[in-house]
Amino acid sequence: MHAAARQVQGLEPSDLEREPLDVRGAFVDAEEIAACGRVYADASARTAASLFPEQIAARPVETPSTLDDPVRR
């Protein structure tokens, strides 16, 4: 959903984010993906710290997840 939130903001999906967005797009229309991205961005600002490890929760929507991301290591 991080990738969907980035896409709503007009940011280009990263190498790691592109495939999940494409898969979702095969089953869900673009409007619904955009709505999920907006909900994620709003919710993550309020509750991400209680749901995810700090290094993920603290990641701003503007920062992509990539294959070279040190958080993945």
C-alpha atoms as a PDB file:
ATOM      1  CA  MET A   1       0.000   0.000   0.000  1.00  0.00           C
ATOM      2  CA  HIS A   2       3.046   2.202   0.441  1.00  0.00           C
ATOM      3  CA  ALA A   3       3.514   1.997  -3.342  1.00  0.00           C
ATOM      4  CA  ALA A   4      -0.143   2.933  -3.946  1.00  0.00           C
ATOM      5  CA  ALA A   5       0.233   5.942  -1.645  1.00  0.00           C
ATOM      6  CA  ARG A   6       3.334   6.988  -3.584  1.00  0.00           C
ATOM      7  CA  GLN A   7       1.506   6.587  -6.886  1.00  0.00           C
ATOM      8  CA  VAL A   8      -1.381   8.798  -5.663  1.00  0.00           C
ATOM      9  CA  GLN A   9       1.176  11.529  -4.989  1.00  0.00           C
ATOM     10  CA  GLY A  10       2.438  11.245  -8.565  1.00  0.00           C
ATOM     11  CA  LEU A  11       5.704   9.556  -7.553  1.00  0.00           C
ATOM     12  CA  GLU A  12       7.169   6.856  -9.801  1.00  0.00           C
ATOM     13  CA  PRO A  13       7.044   3.341  -8.316  1.00  0.00           C
ATOM     14  CA  SER A  14      10.458   1.815  -7.609  1.00  0.00           C
ATOM     15  CA  ASP A  15      11.818  -1.453  -8.967  1.00  0.00           C
ATOM     16  CA  LEU A  16      10.358  -3.275  -5.955  1.00  0.00           C
ATOM     17  CA  GLU A  17       7.007  -1.473  -5.948  1.00  0.00           C
ATOM     18  CA  ARG A  18       6.110  -1.801  -9.651  1.00  0.00           C
ATOM     19  CA  GLU A  19       5.226  -5.532  -9.727  1.00  0.00           C
ATOM     20  CA  PRO A  20       2.784  -5.533  -6.763  1.00  0.00           C
ATOM     21  CA  LEU A  21       1.019  -2.507  -8.261  1.00  0.00           C
ATOM     22  CA  ASP A  22       0.755  -4.257 -11.618  1.00  0.00           C
ATOM     23  CA  VAL A  23      -0.647  -7.416 -10.012  1.00  0.00           C
ATOM     24  CA  ARG A  24      -3.240  -5.435  -8.040  1.00  0.00           C
ATOM     25  CA  GLY A  25      -4.121  -3.552 -11.216  1.00  0.00           C
ATOM     26  CA  ALA A  26      -5.062  -6.840 -12.906  1.00  0.00           C
ATOM     27  CA  PHE A  27      -7.799  -7.415 -10.309  1.00  0.00           C
ATOM     28  CA  VAL A  28      -8.683  -3.971  -8.944  1.00  0.00           C
ATOM     29  CA  ASP A  29      -9.386  -0.795 -10.903  1.00  0.00           C
ATOM     30  CA  ALA A  30      -7.114   2.234 -10.618  1.00  0.00           C
ATOM     31  CA  GLU A  31      -9.663   4.221  -8.597  1.00  0.00           C
ATOM     32  CA  GLU A  32      -9.742   1.576  -5.860  1.00  0.00           C
ATOM     33  CA  ILE A  33      -5.947   1.314  -5.749  1.00  0.00           C
ATOM     34  CA  ALA A  34      -5.753   5.113  -5.427  1.00  0.00           C
ATOM     35  CA  ALA A  35      -8.362   5.070  -2.632  1.00  0.00           C
ATOM     36  CA  CYS A  36      -6.350   2.413  -0.771  1.00  0.00           C
ATOM     37  CA  GLY A  37      -3.202   4.507  -1.190  1.00  0.00           C
ATOM     38  CA  ARG A  38      -4.921   7.556   0.306  1.00  0.00           C
ATOM     39  CA  VAL A  39      -6.248   5.523   3.243  1.00  0.00           C
ATOM     40  CA  TYR A  40      -2.796   4.002   3.825  1.00  0.00           C
ATOM     41  CA  ALA A  41      -1.094   7.410   3.786  1.00  0.00           C
ATOM     42  CA  ASP A  42      -3.605   8.793   6.277  1.00  0.00           C
ATOM     43  CA  ALA A  43      -3.535   5.728   8.533  1.00  0.00           C
ATOM     44  CA  SER A  44       0.236   5.318   8.441  1.00  0.00           C
ATOM     45  CA  ALA A  45       0.677   8.848   9.702  1.00  0.00           C
ATOM     46  CA  ARG A  46      -1.415   7.939  12.767  1.00  0.00           C
ATOM     47  CA  THR A  47      -0.941   4.226  13.450  1.00  0.00           C
ATOM     48  CA  ALA A  48       2.021   2.785  11.567  1.00  0.00           C
ATOM     49  CA  ALA A  49       4.255   2.789  14.633  1.00  0.00           C
ATOM     50  CA  SER A  50       1.870   0.428  16.413  1.00  0.00           C
ATOM     51  CA  LEU A  51       1.675  -1.961  13.426  1.00  0.00           C
ATOM     52  CA  PHE A  52       5.169  -2.093  11.907  1.00  0.00           C
ATOM     53  CA  PRO A  53       8.821  -2.054  13.008  1.00  0.00           C
ATOM     54  CA  GLU A  54      10.190   1.475  13.437  1.00  0.00           C
ATOM     55  CA  GLN A  55      12.382   1.406  10.296  1.00  0.00           C
ATOM     56  CA  ILE A  56       9.269   0.703   8.198  1.00  0.00           C
ATOM     57  CA  ALA A  57       6.805   2.894  10.099  1.00  0.00           C
ATOM     58  CA  ALA A  58       9.135   5.878   9.972  1.00  0.00           C
ATOM     59  CA  ARG A  59       9.532   5.706   6.171  1.00  0.00           C
ATOM     60  CA  PRO A  60       7.824   8.703   4.558  1.00  0.00           C
ATOM     61  CA  VAL A  61       5.564   7.985   1.588  1.00  0.00           C
ATOM     62  CA  GLU A  62       7.987  10.014  -0.547  1.00  0.00           C
ATOM     63  CA  THR A  63      10.718   7.420   0.112  1.00  0.00           C
ATOM     64  CA  PRO A  64      10.418   4.330  -2.109  1.00  0.00           C
ATOM     65  CA  SER A  65      11.143   0.750  -1.133  1.00  0.00           C
ATOM     66  CA  THR A  66      13.761  -0.653  -3.515  1.00  0.00           C
ATOM     67  CA  LEU A  67      15.615  -3.889  -4.121  1.00  0.00           C
ATOM     68  CA  ASP A  68      18.761  -2.224  -2.722  1.00  0.00           C
ATOM     69  CA  ASP A  69      16.969  -0.945   0.381  1.00  0.00           C
ATOM     70  CA  PRO A  70      19.069  -1.509   3.530  1.00  0.00           C
ATOM     71  CA  VAL A  71      15.854  -2.147   5.544  1.00  0.00           C
ATOM     72  CA  ARG A  72      15.391  -5.353   3.530  1.00  0.00           C
ATOM     73  CA  ARG A  73      18.776  -6.739   4.610  1.00  0.00           C
END
